[in-house]
PDB file of N, CA and C in Angstrom:
ATOM      1  N   MET A   1     215.785 149.807  44.377  1.00  0.00           N
ATOM      2  CA  MET A   1     215.853 148.695  45.294  1.00  0.00           C
ATOM      3  C   MET A   1     214.533 148.523  46.040  1.00  0.00           C
ATOM      4  N   LYS A   2     213.921 149.664  46.461  1.00  0.00           N
ATOM      5  CA  LYS A   2     212.660 149.611  47.187  1.00  0.00           C
ATOM      6  C   LYS A   2     211.589 148.922  46.343  1.00  0.00           C
ATOM      7  N   TYR A   3     211.568 149.214  45.021  1.00  0.00           N
ATOM      8  CA  TYR A   3     210.578 148.625  44.140  1.00  0.00           C
ATOM      9  C   TYR A   3     210.829 147.129  43.947  1.00  0.00           C
ATOM     10  N   LEU A   4     212.091 146.745  43.928  1.00  0.00           N
ATOM     11  CA  LEU A   4     212.439 145.332  43.785  1.00  0.00           C
ATOM     12  C   LEU A   4     211.954 144.536  44.994  1.00  0.00           C
ATOM     13  N   ILE A   5     212.129 145.073  46.188  1.00  0.00           N
ATOM     14  CA  ILE A   5     211.658 144.404  47.409  1.00  0.00           C
ATOM     15  C   ILE A   5     210.140 144.319  47.413  1.00  0.00           C
ATOM     16  N   ALA A   6     209.468 145.404  47.034  1.00  0.00           N
ATOM     17  CA  ALA A   6     207.998 145.393  46.986  1.00  0.00           C
ATOM     18  C   ALA A   6     207.503 144.361  45.980  1.00  0.00           C
ATOM     19  N   PHE A   7     208.152 144.284  44.814  1.00  0.00           N
ATOM     20  CA  PHE A   7     207.757 143.300  43.803  1.00  0.00           C
ATOM     21  C   PHE A   7     207.986 141.877  44.293  1.00  0.00           C
ATOM     22  N   ALA A   8     209.108 141.630  44.938  1.00  0.00           N
ATOM     23  CA  ALA A   8     209.407 140.293  45.456  1.00  0.00           C
ATOM     24  C   ALA A   8     208.389 139.887  46.509  1.00  0.00           C
ATOM     25  N   THR A   9     208.009 140.819  47.363  1.00  0.00           N
ATOM     26  CA  THR A   9     206.996 140.535  48.385  1.00  0.00           C
ATOM     27  C   THR A   9     205.654 140.220  47.737  1.00  0.00           C
ATOM     28  N   LEU A  10     205.254 141.022  46.743  1.00  0.00           N
ATOM     29  CA  LEU A  10     204.006 140.777  46.037  1.00  0.00           C
ATOM     30  C   LEU A  10     204.036 139.431  45.325  1.00  0.00           C
ATOM     31  N   ALA A  11     205.125 139.106  44.670  1.00  0.00           N
ATOM     32  CA  ALA A  11     205.246 137.827  43.961  1.00  0.00           C
ATOM     33  C   ALA A  11     205.144 136.657  44.930  1.00  0.00           C
ATOM     34  N   ALA A  12     205.763 136.766  46.086  1.00  0.00           N
ATOM     35  CA  ALA A  12     205.678 135.690  47.083  1.00  0.00           C
ATOM     36  C   ALA A  12     204.256 135.528  47.591  1.00  0.00           C
ATOM     37  N   THR A  13     203.561 136.650  47.798  1.00  0.00           N
ATOM     38  CA  THR A  13     202.176 136.587  48.255  1.00  0.00           C
ATOM     39  C   THR A  13     201.290 135.942  47.205  1.00  0.00           C
ATOM     40  N   VAL A  14     201.445 136.320  45.948  1.00  0.00           N
ATOM     41  CA  VAL A  14     200.643 135.749  44.872  1.00  0.00           C
ATOM     42  C   VAL A  14     200.899 134.257  44.749  1.00  0.00           C
ATOM     43  N   SER A  15     202.149 133.826  44.876  1.00  0.00           N
ATOM     44  CA  SER A  15     202.429 132.396  44.749  1.00  0.00           C
ATOM     45  C   SER A  15     201.833 131.615  45.909  1.00  0.00           C
ATOM     46  N   GLN A  16     201.767 132.212  47.104  1.00  0.00           N
ATOM     47  CA  GLN A  16     201.144 131.525  48.232  1.00  0.00           C
ATOM     48  C   GLN A  16     199.643 131.391  48.015  1.00  0.00           C
ATOM     49  N   VAL A  17     199.006 132.444  47.503  1.00  0.00           N
ATOM     50  CA  VAL A  17     197.560 132.419  47.291  1.00  0.00           C
ATOM     51  C   VAL A  17     197.198 131.376  46.245  1.00  0.00           C
ATOM     52  N   SER A  18     197.942 131.331  45.141  1.00  0.00           N
ATOM     53  CA  SER A  18     197.600 130.403  44.068  1.00  0.00           C
ATOM     54  C   SER A  18     197.918 128.961  44.435  1.00  0.00           C
ATOM     55  N   ALA A  19     198.645 128.744  45.514  1.00  0.00           N
ATOM     56  CA  ALA A  19     199.045 127.392  45.884  1.00  0.00           C
ATOM     57  C   ALA A  19     198.107 126.733  46.893  1.00  0.00           C
ATOM     58  N   ILE A  20     196.982 127.361  47.219  1.00  0.00           N
ATOM     59  CA  ILE A  20     196.096 126.789  48.234  1.00  0.00           C
ATOM     60  C   ILE A  20     195.593 125.418  47.799  1.00  0.00           C
ATOM     61  N   CYS A  21     194.976 125.336  46.646  1.00  0.00           N
ATOM     62  CA  CYS A  21     194.501 124.077  46.063  1.00  0.00           C
ATOM     63  C   CYS A  21     194.570 124.224  44.538  1.00  0.00           C
ATOM     64  N   PRO A  22     195.746 124.096  43.958  1.00  0.00           N
ATOM     65  CA  PRO A  22     195.881 124.304  42.513  1.00  0.00           C
ATOM     66  C   PRO A  22     194.938 123.402  41.713  1.00  0.00           C
ATOM     67  N   GLY A  23     194.174 124.000  40.801  1.00  0.00           N
ATOM     68  CA  GLY A  23     193.257 123.237  39.948  1.00  0.00           C
ATOM     69  C   GLY A  23     191.893 122.973  40.558  1.00  0.00           C
ATOM     70  N   PHE A  24     191.644 123.479  41.749  1.00  0.00           N
ATOM     71  CA  PHE A  24     190.371 123.272  42.435  1.00  0.00           C
ATOM     72  C   PHE A  24     189.650 124.605  42.615  1.00  0.00           C
ATOM     73  N   ASN A  25     188.339 124.544  42.867  1.00  0.00           N
ATOM     74  CA  ASN A  25     187.548 125.750  43.086  1.00  0.00           C
ATOM     75  C   ASN A  25     187.585 126.231  44.533  1.00  0.00           C
ATOM     76  N   TYR A  26     187.557 125.287  45.474  1.00  0.00           N
ATOM     77  CA  TYR A  26     187.473 125.633  46.891  1.00  0.00           C
ATOM     78  C   TYR A  26     188.362 124.725  47.725  1.00  0.00           C
ATOM     79  N   ALA A  27     188.608 125.172  48.942  1.00  0.00           N
ATOM     80  CA  ALA A  27     189.378 124.407  49.922  1.00  0.00           C
ATOM     81  C   ALA A  27     188.620 124.439  51.238  1.00  0.00           C
ATOM     82  N   ILE A  28     188.611 123.321  51.937  1.00  0.00           N
ATOM     83  CA  ILE A  28     187.958 123.248  53.252  1.00  0.00           C
ATOM     84  C   ILE A  28     189.040 123.087  54.306  1.00  0.00           C
ATOM     85  N   GLY A  29     188.994 123.965  55.297  1.00  0.00           N
ATOM     86  CA  GLY A  29     189.964 123.911  56.382  1.00  0.00           C
ATOM     87  C   GLY A  29     189.593 122.866  57.419  1.00  0.00           C
ATOM     88  N   ASN A  30     190.442 122.742  58.401  1.00  0.00           N
ATOM     89  CA  ASN A  30     190.212 121.804  59.502  1.00  0.00           C
ATOM     90  C   ASN A  30     189.241 122.375  60.518  1.00  0.00           C
ATOM     91  N   GLN A  31     188.804 121.537  61.409  1.00  0.00           N
ATOM     92  CA  GLN A  31     187.876 121.926  62.464  1.00  0.00           C
ATOM     93  C   GLN A  31     188.481 123.036  63.322  1.00  0.00           C
ATOM     94  N   ILE A  32     187.688 124.076  63.554  1.00  0.00           N
ATOM     95  CA  ILE A  32     188.057 125.154  64.465  1.00  0.00           C
ATOM     96  C   ILE A  32     187.117 125.053  65.660  1.00  0.00           C
ATOM     97  N   VAL A  33     187.657 124.711  66.814  1.00  0.00           N
ATOM     98  CA  VAL A  33     186.841 124.559  68.021  1.00  0.00           C
ATOM     99  C   VAL A  33     186.566 125.948  68.590  1.00  0.00           C
ATOM    100  N   LEU A  34     185.278 126.291  68.694  1.00  0.00           N
ATOM    101  CA  LEU A  34     184.867 127.616  69.162  1.00  0.00           C
ATOM    102  C   LEU A  34     184.544 127.652  70.645  1.00  0.00           C
ATOM    103  N   GLY A  35     184.307 126.496  71.235  1.00  0.00           N
ATOM    104  CA  GLY A  35     183.916 126.428  72.637  1.00  0.00           C
ATOM    105  C   GLY A  35     182.421 126.219  72.775  1.00  0.00           C
ATOM    106  N   GLY A  36     181.994 125.805  73.937  1.00  0.00           N
ATOM    107  CA  GLY A  36     180.580 125.569  74.193  1.00  0.00           C
ATOM    108  C   GLY A  36     180.011 124.439  73.345  1.00  0.00           C
ATOM    109  N   GLY A  37     180.873 123.550  72.880  1.00  0.00           N
ATOM    110  CA  GLY A  37     180.428 122.428  72.057  1.00  0.00           C
ATOM    111  C   GLY A  37     180.307 122.764  70.572  1.00  0.00           C
ATOM    112  N   TYR A  38     180.635 123.993  70.175  1.00  0.00           N
ATOM    113  CA  TYR A  38     180.515 124.421  68.774  1.00  0.00           C
ATOM    114  C   TYR A  38     181.857 124.346  68.058  1.00  0.00           C
ATOM    115  N   SER A  39     181.778 123.997  66.794  1.00  0.00           N
ATOM    116  CA  SER A  39     182.953 123.985  65.919  1.00  0.00           C
ATOM    117  C   SER A  39     182.588 124.644  64.598  1.00  0.00           C
ATOM    118  N   ARG A  40     183.619 125.058  63.873  1.00  0.00           N
ATOM    119  CA  ARG A  40     183.427 125.694  62.567  1.00  0.00           C
ATOM    120  C   ARG A  40     184.400 125.104  61.559  1.00  0.00           C
ATOM    121  N   TRP A  41     183.914 124.976  60.334  1.00  0.00           N
ATOM    122  CA  TRP A  41     184.725 124.583  59.193  1.00  0.00           C
ATOM    123  C   TRP A  41     184.547 125.661  58.142  1.00  0.00           C
ATOM    124  N   ASN A  42     185.646 126.285  57.717  1.00  0.00           N
ATOM    125  CA  ASN A  42     185.593 127.321  56.694  1.00  0.00           C
ATOM    126  C   ASN A  42     185.825 126.726  55.315  1.00  0.00           C
ATOM    127  N   VAL A  43     185.114 127.264  54.336  1.00  0.00           N
ATOM    128  CA  VAL A  43     185.328 126.946  52.932  1.00  0.00           C
ATOM    129  C   VAL A  43     185.972 128.186  52.324  1.00  0.00           C
ATOM    130  N   TYR A  44     187.157 128.011  51.735  1.00  0.00           N
ATOM    131  CA  TYR A  44     187.927 129.122  51.198  1.00  0.00           C
ATOM    132  C   TYR A  44     187.925 129.113  49.673  1.00  0.00           C
ATOM    133  N   ASP A  45     187.955 130.315  49.084  1.00  0.00           N
ATOM    134  CA  ASP A  45     188.189 130.410  47.645  1.00  0.00           C
ATOM    135  C   ASP A  45     189.708 130.375  47.426  1.00  0.00           C
ATOM    136  N   ASP A  46     190.137 130.513  46.176  1.00  0.00           N
ATOM    137  CA  ASP A  46     191.568 130.378  45.898  1.00  0.00           C
ATOM    138  C   ASP A  46     192.406 131.559  46.385  1.00  0.00           C
ATOM    139  N   SER A  47     191.751 132.582  46.931  1.00  0.00           N
ATOM    140  CA  SER A  47     192.472 133.714  47.522  1.00  0.00           C
ATOM    141  C   SER A  47     192.428 133.688  49.044  1.00  0.00           C
ATOM    142  N   CYS A  48     192.009 132.569  49.609  1.00  0.00           N
ATOM    143  CA  CYS A  48     191.900 132.389  51.062  1.00  0.00           C
ATOM    144  C   CYS A  48     190.837 133.273  51.695  1.00  0.00           C
ATOM    145  N   ASN A  49     189.870 133.714  50.913  1.00  0.00           N
ATOM    146  CA  ASN A  49     188.713 134.396  51.475  1.00  0.00           C
ATOM    147  C   ASN A  49     187.714 133.338  51.904  1.00  0.00           C
ATOM    148  N   VAL A  50     187.068 133.534  53.053  1.00  0.00           N
ATOM    149  CA  VAL A  50     186.032 132.600  53.479  1.00  0.00           C
ATOM    150  C   VAL A  50     184.821 132.816  52.575  1.00  0.00           C
ATOM    151  N   ALA A  51     184.497 131.792  51.788  1.00  0.00           N
ATOM    152  CA  ALA A  51     183.395 131.870  50.836  1.00  0.00           C
ATOM    153  C   ALA A  51     182.124 131.242  51.384  1.00  0.00           C
ATOM    154  N   ASP A  52     182.264 130.364  52.363  1.00  0.00           N
ATOM    155  CA  ASP A  52     181.136 129.623  52.925  1.00  0.00           C
ATOM    156  C   ASP A  52     181.674 128.931  54.170  1.00  0.00           C
ATOM    157  N   GLY A  53     180.849 128.178  54.816  1.00  0.00           N
ATOM    158  CA  GLY A  53     181.304 127.433  55.984  1.00  0.00           C
ATOM    159  C   GLY A  53     180.149 126.924  56.811  1.00  0.00           C
ATOM    160  N   LEU A  54     180.502 126.234  57.847  1.00  0.00           N
ATOM    161  CA  LEU A  54     179.507 125.643  58.741  1.00  0.00           C
ATOM    162  C   LEU A  54     179.948 125.822  60.176  1.00  0.00           C
ATOM    163  N   THR A  55     179.034 126.332  60.997  1.00  0.00           N
ATOM    164  CA  THR A  55     179.216 126.381  62.444  1.00  0.00           C
ATOM    165  C   THR A  55     178.112 125.532  63.031  1.00  0.00           C
ATOM    166  N   THR A  56     178.490 124.561  63.859  1.00  0.00           N
ATOM    167  CA  THR A  56     177.499 123.641  64.401  1.00  0.00           C
ATOM    168  C   THR A  56     177.988 123.034  65.712  1.00  0.00           C
ATOM    169  N   ASN A  57     177.039 122.544  66.480  1.00  0.00           N
ATOM    170  CA  ASN A  57     177.379 121.728  67.645  1.00  0.00           C
ATOM    171  C   ASN A  57     176.992 120.279  67.375  1.00  0.00           C
ATOM    172  N   GLY A  58     176.684 119.977  66.115  1.00  0.00           N
ATOM    173  CA  GLY A  58     176.324 118.619  65.710  1.00  0.00           C
ATOM    174  C   GLY A  58     177.372 118.013  64.793  1.00  0.00           C
ATOM    175  N   ASN A  59     177.004 116.914  64.199  1.00  0.00           N
ATOM    176  CA  ASN A  59     177.873 116.214  63.265  1.00  0.00           C
ATOM    177  C   ASN A  59     177.883 116.980  61.939  1.00  0.00           C
ATOM    178  N   PRO A  60     179.041 117.439  61.466  1.00  0.00           N
ATOM    179  CA  PRO A  60     179.069 118.210  60.220  1.00  0.00           C
ATOM    180  C   PRO A  60     178.635 117.385  59.006  1.00  0.00           C
ATOM    181  N   CYS A  61     178.690 116.076  59.115  1.00  0.00           N
ATOM    182  CA  CYS A  61     178.287 115.197  58.008  1.00  0.00           C
ATOM    183  C   CYS A  61     176.769 115.129  57.860  1.00  0.00           C
ATOM    184  N   ASP A  62     176.038 115.568  58.876  1.00  0.00           N
ATOM    185  CA  ASP A  62     174.572 115.500  58.869  1.00  0.00           C
ATOM    186  C   ASP A  62     173.906 116.847  58.620  1.00  0.00           C
ATOM    187  N   GLN A  63     174.681 117.881  58.267  1.00  0.00           N
ATOM    188  CA  GLN A  63     174.132 119.234  58.160  1.00  0.00           C
ATOM    189  C   GLN A  63     173.762 119.641  56.738  1.00  0.00           C
ATOM    190  N   GLY A  64     174.109 118.825  55.740  1.00  0.00           N
ATOM    191  CA  GLY A  64     173.723 119.106  54.360  1.00  0.00           C
ATOM    192  C   GLY A  64     174.758 119.815  53.512  1.00  0.00           C
ATOM    193  N   ILE A  65     175.694 120.529  54.114  1.00  0.00           N
ATOM    194  CA  ILE A  65     176.699 121.254  53.347  1.00  0.00           C
ATOM    195  C   ILE A  65     177.870 120.359  52.946  1.00  0.00           C
ATOM    196  N   PHE A  66     178.209 119.393  53.793  1.00  0.00           N
ATOM    197  CA  PHE A  66     179.330 118.497  53.525  1.00  0.00           C
ATOM    198  C   PHE A  66     178.856 117.055  53.433  1.00  0.00           C
ATOM    199  N   GLY A  67     179.443 116.314  52.507  1.00  0.00           N
ATOM    200  CA  GLY A  67     179.265 114.872  52.465  1.00  0.00           C
ATOM    201  C   GLY A  67     180.526 114.251  53.031  1.00  0.00           C
ATOM    202  N   CYS A  68     180.394 113.085  53.637  1.00  0.00           N
ATOM    203  CA  CYS A  68     181.538 112.464  54.292  1.00  0.00           C
ATOM    204  C   CYS A  68     181.788 111.061  53.770  1.00  0.00           C
ATOM    205  N   SER A  69     183.057 110.710  53.755  1.00  0.00           N
ATOM    206  CA  SER A  69     183.480 109.385  53.314  1.00  0.00           C
ATOM    207  C   SER A  69     183.316 108.392  54.463  1.00  0.00           C
ATOM    208  N   PRO A  70     183.389 107.095  54.140  1.00  0.00           N
ATOM    209  CA  PRO A  70     183.481 106.108  55.215  1.00  0.00           C
ATOM    210  C   PRO A  70     184.813 106.303  55.954  1.00  0.00           C
ATOM    211  N   PRO A  71     184.977 105.672  57.124  1.00  0.00           N
ATOM    212  CA  PRO A  71     186.232 105.840  57.880  1.00  0.00           C
ATOM    213  C   PRO A  71     187.447 105.470  57.028  1.00  0.00           C
ATOM    214  N   PRO A  72     188.542 106.206  57.117  1.00  0.00           N
ATOM    215  CA  PRO A  72     188.706 107.411  57.934  1.00  0.00           C
ATOM    216  C   PRO A  72     187.897 108.567  57.336  1.00  0.00           C
ATOM    217  N   ILE A  73     187.106 109.217  58.145  1.00  0.00           N
ATOM    218  CA  ILE A  73     186.141 110.205  57.671  1.00  0.00           C
ATOM    219  C   ILE A  73     186.841 111.474  57.176  1.00  0.00           C
ATOM    220  N   LEU A  74     186.512 111.819  55.938  1.00  0.00           N
ATOM    221  CA  LEU A  74     186.947 113.064  55.303  1.00  0.00           C
ATOM    222  C   LEU A  74     185.745 113.669  54.601  1.00  0.00           C
ATOM    223  N   PHE A  75     185.749 114.975  54.413  1.00  0.00           N
ATOM    224  CA  PHE A  75     184.709 115.581  53.585  1.00  0.00           C
ATOM    225  C   PHE A  75     184.988 115.183  52.138  1.00  0.00           C
ATOM    226  N   ASP A  76     183.999 114.586  51.475  1.00  0.00           N
ATOM    227  CA  ASP A  76     184.178 114.186  50.078  1.00  0.00           C
ATOM    228  C   ASP A  76     183.228 114.942  49.137  1.00  0.00           C
ATOM    229  N   ARG A  77     182.406 115.827  49.724  1.00  0.00           N
ATOM    230  CA  ARG A  77     181.478 116.625  48.920  1.00  0.00           C
ATOM    231  C   ARG A  77     181.198 117.930  49.653  1.00  0.00           C
ATOM    232  N   TYR A  78     181.077 118.980  48.875  1.00  0.00           N
ATOM    233  CA  TYR A  78     180.697 120.294  49.409  1.00  0.00           C
ATOM    234  C   TYR A  78     179.570 120.821  48.545  1.00  0.00           C
ATOM    235  N   THR A  79     178.460 121.220  49.169  1.00  0.00           N
ATOM    236  CA  THR A  79     177.345 121.846  48.478  1.00  0.00           C
ATOM    237  C   THR A  79     177.296 123.307  48.900  1.00  0.00           C
ATOM    238  N   SER A  80     177.491 124.202  47.949  1.00  0.00           N
ATOM    239  CA  SER A  80     177.506 125.631  48.247  1.00  0.00           C
ATOM    240  C   SER A  80     176.152 126.084  48.776  1.00  0.00           C
ATOM    241  N   THR A  81     176.163 126.779  49.907  1.00  0.00           N
ATOM    242  CA  THR A  81     174.919 127.321  50.446  1.00  0.00           C
ATOM    243  C   THR A  81     174.516 128.587  49.692  1.00  0.00           C
ATOM    244  N   VAL A  82     175.398 129.094  48.851  1.00  0.00           N
ATOM    245  CA  VAL A  82     175.121 130.298  48.064  1.00  0.00           C
ATOM    246  C   VAL A  82     174.490 129.939  46.723  1.00  0.00           C
ATOM    247  N   THR A  83     175.096 128.979  46.012  1.00  0.00           N
ATOM    248  CA  THR A  83     174.648 128.650  44.648  1.00  0.00           C
ATOM    249  C   THR A  83     173.938 127.309  44.532  1.00  0.00           C
ATOM    250  N   GLY A  84     174.123 126.437  45.521  1.00  0.00           N
ATOM    251  CA  GLY A  84     173.568 125.092  45.446  1.00  0.00           C
ATOM    252  C   GLY A  84     174.400 124.139  44.609  1.00  0.00           C
ATOM    253  N   LEU A  85     175.503 124.629  44.012  1.00  0.00           N
ATOM    254  CA  LEU A  85     176.361 123.750  43.220  1.00  0.00           C
ATOM    255  C   LEU A  85     177.069 122.749  44.118  1.00  0.00           C
ATOM    256  N   ILE A  86     177.328 121.577  43.564  1.00  0.00           N
ATOM    257  CA  ILE A  86     177.967 120.489  44.303  1.00  0.00           C
ATOM    258  C   ILE A  86     179.393 120.324  43.799  1.00  0.00           C
ATOM    259  N   TYR A  87     180.305 120.165  44.733  1.00  0.00           N
ATOM    260  CA  TYR A  87     181.728 120.018  44.429  1.00  0.00           C
ATOM    261  C   TYR A  87     182.236 118.705  45.025  1.00  0.00           C
ATOM    262  N   ALA A  88     183.020 117.976  44.242  1.00  0.00           N
ATOM    263  CA  ALA A  88     183.673 116.765  44.732  1.00  0.00           C
ATOM    264  C   ALA A  88     184.964 117.176  45.438  1.00  0.00           C
ATOM    265  N   CYS A  89     185.228 116.579  46.588  1.00  0.00           N
ATOM    266  CA  CYS A  89     186.381 116.968  47.410  1.00  0.00           C
ATOM    267  C   CYS A  89     187.288 115.769  47.670  1.00  0.00           C
ATOM    268  N   ARG A  90     188.576 116.082  47.797  1.00  0.00           N
ATOM    269  CA  ARG A  90     189.550 115.042  48.129  1.00  0.00           C
ATOM    270  C   ARG A  90     190.797 115.696  48.692  1.00  0.00           C
ATOM    271  N   PRO A  91     191.577 114.940  49.456  1.00  0.00           N
ATOM    272  CA  PRO A  91     192.867 115.484  49.911  1.00  0.00           C
ATOM    273  C   PRO A  91     193.761 115.716  48.698  1.00  0.00           C
ATOM    274  N   ASP A  92     194.615 116.698  48.789  1.00  0.00           N
ATOM    275  CA  ASP A  92     195.554 116.975  47.705  1.00  0.00           C
ATOM    276  C   ASP A  92     196.908 117.301  48.318  1.00  0.00           C
ATOM    277  N   PRO A  93     197.956 116.635  47.866  1.00  0.00           N
ATOM    278  CA  PRO A  93     199.280 116.879  48.461  1.00  0.00           C
ATOM    279  C   PRO A  93     199.799 118.297  48.214  1.00  0.00           C
ATOM    280  N   ASN A  94     199.206 119.014  47.269  1.00  0.00           N
ATOM    281  CA  ASN A  94     199.643 120.374  46.965  1.00  0.00           C
ATOM    282  C   ASN A  94     198.858 121.442  47.713  1.00  0.00           C
ATOM    283  N   SER A  95     197.926 121.024  48.590  1.00  0.00           N
ATOM    284  CA  SER A  95     197.131 122.016  49.321  1.00  0.00           C
ATOM    285  C   SER A  95     198.008 122.752  50.326  1.00  0.00           C
ATOM    286  N   GLY A  96     197.558 123.929  50.713  1.00  0.00           N
ATOM    287  CA  GLY A  96     198.339 124.753  51.617  1.00  0.00           C
ATOM    288  C   GLY A  96     197.581 125.102  52.873  1.00  0.00           C
ATOM    289  N   VAL A  97     197.740 126.343  53.303  1.00  0.00           N
ATOM    290  CA  VAL A  97     197.066 126.849  54.492  1.00  0.00           C
ATOM    291  C   VAL A  97     196.467 128.212  54.178  1.00  0.00           C
ATOM    292  N   CYS A  98     195.409 128.541  54.878  1.00  0.00           N
ATOM    293  CA  CYS A  98     194.826 129.885  54.842  1.00  0.00           C
ATOM    294  C   CYS A  98     194.977 130.434  56.247  1.00  0.00           C
ATOM    295  N   GLY A  99     195.881 131.380  56.407  1.00  0.00           N
ATOM    296  CA  GLY A  99     196.200 131.865  57.745  1.00  0.00           C
ATOM    297  C   GLY A  99     196.809 130.728  58.536  1.00  0.00           C
ATOM    298  N   SER A 100     196.171 130.363  59.640  1.00  0.00           N
ATOM    299  CA  SER A 100     196.650 129.227  60.436  1.00  0.00           C
ATOM    300  C   SER A 100     195.793 127.980  60.209  1.00  0.00           C
ATOM    301  N   ASP A 101     194.846 128.048  59.277  1.00  0.00           N
ATOM    302  CA  ASP A 101     193.933 126.937  59.014  1.00  0.00           C
ATOM    303  C   ASP A 101     194.510 126.049  57.908  1.00  0.00           C
ATOM    304  N   VAL A 102     194.963 124.863  58.304  1.00  0.00           N
ATOM    305  CA  VAL A 102     195.524 123.910  57.350  1.00  0.00           C
ATOM    306  C   VAL A 102     194.376 123.320  56.539  1.00  0.00           C
ATOM    307  N   ILE A 103     194.545 123.273  55.234  1.00  0.00           N
ATOM    308  CA  ILE A 103     193.509 122.763  54.348  1.00  0.00           C
ATOM    309  C   ILE A 103     193.428 121.241  54.467  1.00  0.00           C
ATOM    310  N   SER A 104     192.199 120.738  54.667  1.00  0.00           N
ATOM    311  CA  SER A 104     192.019 119.286  54.796  1.00  0.00           C
ATOM    312  C   SER A 104     191.690 118.634  53.462  1.00  0.00           C
ATOM    313  N   VAL A 105     190.841 119.295  52.650  1.00  0.00           N
ATOM    314  CA  VAL A 105     190.492 118.762  51.328  1.00  0.00           C
ATOM    315  C   VAL A 105     190.320 119.910  50.349  1.00  0.00           C
ATOM    316  N   CYS A 106     190.471 119.569  49.075  1.00  0.00           N
ATOM    317  CA  CYS A 106     190.280 120.519  47.981  1.00  0.00           C
ATOM    318  C   CYS A 106     189.034 120.074  47.200  1.00  0.00           C
ATOM    319  N   CYS A 107     188.270 121.032  46.695  1.00  0.00           N
ATOM    320  CA  CYS A 107     186.992 120.715  46.059  1.00  0.00           C
ATOM    321  C   CYS A 107     186.913 121.318  44.656  1.00  0.00           C
ATOM    322  N   ARG A 108     186.390 120.492  43.733  1.00  0.00           N
ATOM    323  CA  ARG A 108     186.250 120.893  42.343  1.00  0.00           C
ATOM    324  C   ARG A 108     184.823 120.617  41.906  1.00  0.00           C
ATOM    325  N   ASN A 109     184.272 121.497  41.075  1.00  0.00           N
ATOM    326  CA  ASN A 109     182.906 121.315  40.590  1.00  0.00           C
ATOM    327  C   ASN A 109     182.834 120.058  39.765  1.00  0.00           C
ATOM    328  N   ASP A 110     181.838 119.220  40.065  1.00  0.00           N
ATOM    329  CA  ASP A 110     181.685 117.958  39.334  1.00  0.00           C
ATOM    330  C   ASP A 110     180.624 118.071  38.248  1.00  0.00           C
ATOM    331  N   GLY A 111     180.190 119.297  37.939  1.00  0.00           N
ATOM    332  CA  GLY A 111     179.214 119.497  36.871  1.00  0.00           C
ATOM    333  C   GLY A 111     177.765 119.507  37.319  1.00  0.00           C
ATOM    334  N   ASN A 112     177.495 119.317  38.603  1.00  0.00           N
ATOM    335  CA  ASN A 112     176.125 119.339  39.116  1.00  0.00           C
ATOM    336  C   ASN A 112     175.736 120.719  39.594  1.00  0.00           C
TER     337      ASN A 112
END
């Protein structure tokens, strides 16, 4: 019985991790207000590990890591600060959460 409970817990955890942004490479969370005029946006891999992100007291659309759509403003592009690869981003109804950070858009490599 103990092994059955452990397996069920592991299976539930795996299904939550794989459900962050199915079919996408990365997920971008919502704005995290840090105080002092600073905010942070985390970029998560499919295991909810922070893979990249931006902390700024400026407009996140002007910092080079994220591209933004016309109003209503959403991140529509993510450029990895690690690899320089560019990912196209969009909202996805199947996106989830990483911890308490609700995913705003999912990003997939567009071949650039």
